């Protein structure tokens, strides 16, 4: 909860910082709050749609909330954005 609180403070100071949303998503996922992880990852992707890591975070959260087929679609979107990325 401390990490989420710190990322939330950072987000309050910079609402357009996609990395903070990504990291808060990971913190929520670590605590098995997958709905919140999904929401934060979706915000990350909305702010920075060309950043591959946002799609990784979103795919992970979507898999836990909506299943593997939905996550596959997210990962494919990420690959279209960053086709040469080996990750």
C-alpha atoms as a PDB file:
ATOM      1  CA  UNK A   1       0.000   0.000   0.000  1.00  0.00           C
ATOM      2  CA  UNK A   2       2.907   2.359   0.618  1.00  0.00           C
ATOM      3  CA  UNK A   3       4.116   2.079  -2.975  1.00  0.00           C
ATOM      4  CA  UNK A   4       0.612   2.770  -4.302  1.00  0.00           C
ATOM      5  CA  UNK A   5       0.371   5.808  -2.033  1.00  0.00           C
ATOM      6  CA  UNK A   6       3.730   7.168  -3.227  1.00  0.00           C
ATOM      7  CA  UNK A   7       2.862   6.645  -6.894  1.00  0.00           C
ATOM      8  CA  UNK A   8      -0.485   8.339  -6.256  1.00  0.00           C
ATOM      9  CA  UNK A   9       1.319  11.390  -4.873  1.00  0.00           C
ATOM     10  CA  UNK A  10       3.524  11.456  -7.945  1.00  0.00           C
ATOM     11  CA  UNK A  11       0.514  11.175 -10.236  1.00  0.00           C
ATOM     12  CA  UNK A  12      -1.193  14.043  -8.411  1.00  0.00           C
ATOM     13  CA  UNK A  13       1.865  16.154  -9.214  1.00  0.00           C
ATOM     14  CA  UNK A  14       2.093  15.021 -12.852  1.00  0.00           C
ATOM     15  CA  UNK A  15      -1.131  13.603 -14.286  1.00  0.00           C
ATOM     16  CA  UNK A  16       0.507  12.824 -17.633  1.00  0.00           C
ATOM     17  CA  UNK A  17       3.403  10.697 -16.345  1.00  0.00           C
ATOM     18  CA  UNK A  18       2.749   7.310 -17.935  1.00  0.00           C
ATOM     19  CA  UNK A  19       5.582   5.624 -16.005  1.00  0.00           C
ATOM     20  CA  UNK A  20       3.928   6.420 -12.673  1.00  0.00           C
ATOM     21  CA  UNK A  21       0.672   4.837 -13.855  1.00  0.00           C
ATOM     22  CA  UNK A  22       2.625   1.809 -15.073  1.00  0.00           C
ATOM     23  CA  UNK A  23       4.402   1.422 -11.762  1.00  0.00           C
ATOM     24  CA  UNK A  24       1.214   1.910  -9.759  1.00  0.00           C
ATOM     25  CA  UNK A  25      -0.382  -0.763 -11.949  1.00  0.00           C
ATOM     26  CA  UNK A  26       2.435  -3.142 -11.052  1.00  0.00           C
ATOM     27  CA  UNK A  27       2.043  -2.332  -7.358  1.00  0.00           C
ATOM     28  CA  UNK A  28      -1.693  -3.064  -7.505  1.00  0.00           C
ATOM     29  CA  UNK A  29      -1.036  -6.321  -9.365  1.00  0.00           C
ATOM     30  CA  UNK A  30       1.504  -7.354  -6.748  1.00  0.00           C
ATOM     31  CA  UNK A  31      -1.256  -6.954  -4.145  1.00  0.00           C
ATOM     32  CA  UNK A  32      -3.648  -8.927  -6.398  1.00  0.00           C
ATOM     33  CA  UNK A  33      -5.861  -5.896  -7.067  1.00  0.00           C
ATOM     34  CA  UNK A  34      -6.111  -6.691 -10.733  1.00  0.00           C
ATOM     35  CA  UNK A  35      -9.016  -4.389 -11.542  1.00  0.00           C
ATOM     36  CA  UNK A  36      -7.070  -1.399 -10.280  1.00  0.00           C
ATOM     37  CA  UNK A  37      -3.950  -2.674 -12.030  1.00  0.00           C
ATOM     38  CA  UNK A  38      -5.941  -2.820 -15.271  1.00  0.00           C
ATOM     39  CA  UNK A  39      -7.302   0.698 -14.816  1.00  0.00           C
ATOM     40  CA  UNK A  40      -3.841   2.142 -14.198  1.00  0.00           C
ATOM     41  CA  UNK A  41      -2.301   0.271 -17.107  1.00  0.00           C
ATOM     42  CA  UNK A  42      -5.097   1.461 -19.391  1.00  0.00           C
ATOM     43  CA  UNK A  43      -4.389   5.038 -18.325  1.00  0.00           C
ATOM     44  CA  UNK A  44      -0.697   4.485 -19.010  1.00  0.00           C
ATOM     45  CA  UNK A  45      -1.467   3.275 -22.550  1.00  0.00           C
ATOM     46  CA  UNK A  46      -3.861   6.162 -23.142  1.00  0.00           C
ATOM     47  CA  UNK A  47      -1.212   8.703 -22.123  1.00  0.00           C
ATOM     48  CA  UNK A  48       1.621   7.030 -24.011  1.00  0.00           C
ATOM     49  CA  UNK A  49       0.212   4.722 -26.703  1.00  0.00           C
ATOM     50  CA  UNK A  50       3.629   4.155 -28.264  1.00  0.00           C
ATOM     51  CA  UNK A  51       5.295   2.810 -25.089  1.00  0.00           C
ATOM     52  CA  UNK A  52       5.490  -0.988 -25.284  1.00  0.00           C
ATOM     53  CA  UNK A  53       5.740  -1.548 -21.531  1.00  0.00           C
ATOM     54  CA  UNK A  54       2.278  -0.103 -20.988  1.00  0.00           C
ATOM     55  CA  UNK A  55       0.862  -2.894 -23.122  1.00  0.00           C
ATOM     56  CA  UNK A  56       2.762  -5.468 -21.085  1.00  0.00           C
ATOM     57  CA  UNK A  57       1.273  -4.113 -17.869  1.00  0.00           C
ATOM     58  CA  UNK A  58      -2.174  -3.921 -19.428  1.00  0.00           C
ATOM     59  CA  UNK A  59      -1.948  -7.417 -20.885  1.00  0.00           C
ATOM     60  CA  UNK A  60      -0.955  -8.885 -17.533  1.00  0.00           C
ATOM     61  CA  UNK A  61      -3.834  -7.199 -15.725  1.00  0.00           C
ATOM     62  CA  UNK A  62      -6.356  -7.970 -18.473  1.00  0.00           C
ATOM     63  CA  UNK A  63      -5.402 -11.642 -18.333  1.00  0.00           C
ATOM     64  CA  UNK A  64      -6.222 -11.775 -14.636  1.00  0.00           C
ATOM     65  CA  UNK A  65      -9.523  -9.878 -15.031  1.00  0.00           C
ATOM     66  CA  UNK A  66     -10.813 -10.861 -18.466  1.00  0.00           C
ATOM     67  CA  UNK A  67      -8.858 -13.955 -19.468  1.00  0.00           C
ATOM     68  CA  UNK A  68      -6.122 -14.978 -21.864  1.00  0.00           C
ATOM     69  CA  UNK A  69      -7.991 -14.222 -25.109  1.00  0.00           C
ATOM     70  CA  UNK A  70      -8.539 -10.601 -24.110  1.00  0.00           C
ATOM     71  CA  UNK A  71      -4.911 -10.320 -22.992  1.00  0.00           C
ATOM     72  CA  UNK A  72      -3.762 -11.702 -26.340  1.00  0.00           C
ATOM     73  CA  UNK A  73      -5.507  -8.817 -28.082  1.00  0.00           C
ATOM     74  CA  UNK A  74      -3.700  -6.316 -25.839  1.00  0.00           C
ATOM     75  CA  UNK A  75      -0.323  -7.941 -26.489  1.00  0.00           C
ATOM     76  CA  UNK A  76      -0.977  -7.857 -30.236  1.00  0.00           C
ATOM     77  CA  UNK A  77      -1.746  -4.132 -30.043  1.00  0.00           C
ATOM     78  CA  UNK A  78       1.565  -3.685 -28.243  1.00  0.00           C
ATOM     79  CA  UNK A  79       3.416  -5.617 -30.937  1.00  0.00           C
ATOM     80  CA  UNK A  80       1.904  -3.412 -33.622  1.00  0.00           C
ATOM     81  CA  UNK A  81       3.143  -0.339 -31.742  1.00  0.00           C
ATOM     82  CA  UNK A  82       6.637  -1.701 -31.206  1.00  0.00           C
ATOM     83  CA  UNK A  83       7.217  -4.519 -33.708  1.00  0.00           C
ATOM     84  CA  UNK A  84      11.009  -4.657 -33.346  1.00  0.00           C
ATOM     85  CA  UNK A  85      11.010  -4.831 -29.570  1.00  0.00           C
ATOM     86  CA  UNK A  86      12.369  -8.222 -28.407  1.00  0.00           C
ATOM     87  CA  UNK A  87      10.465  -8.054 -25.106  1.00  0.00           C
END
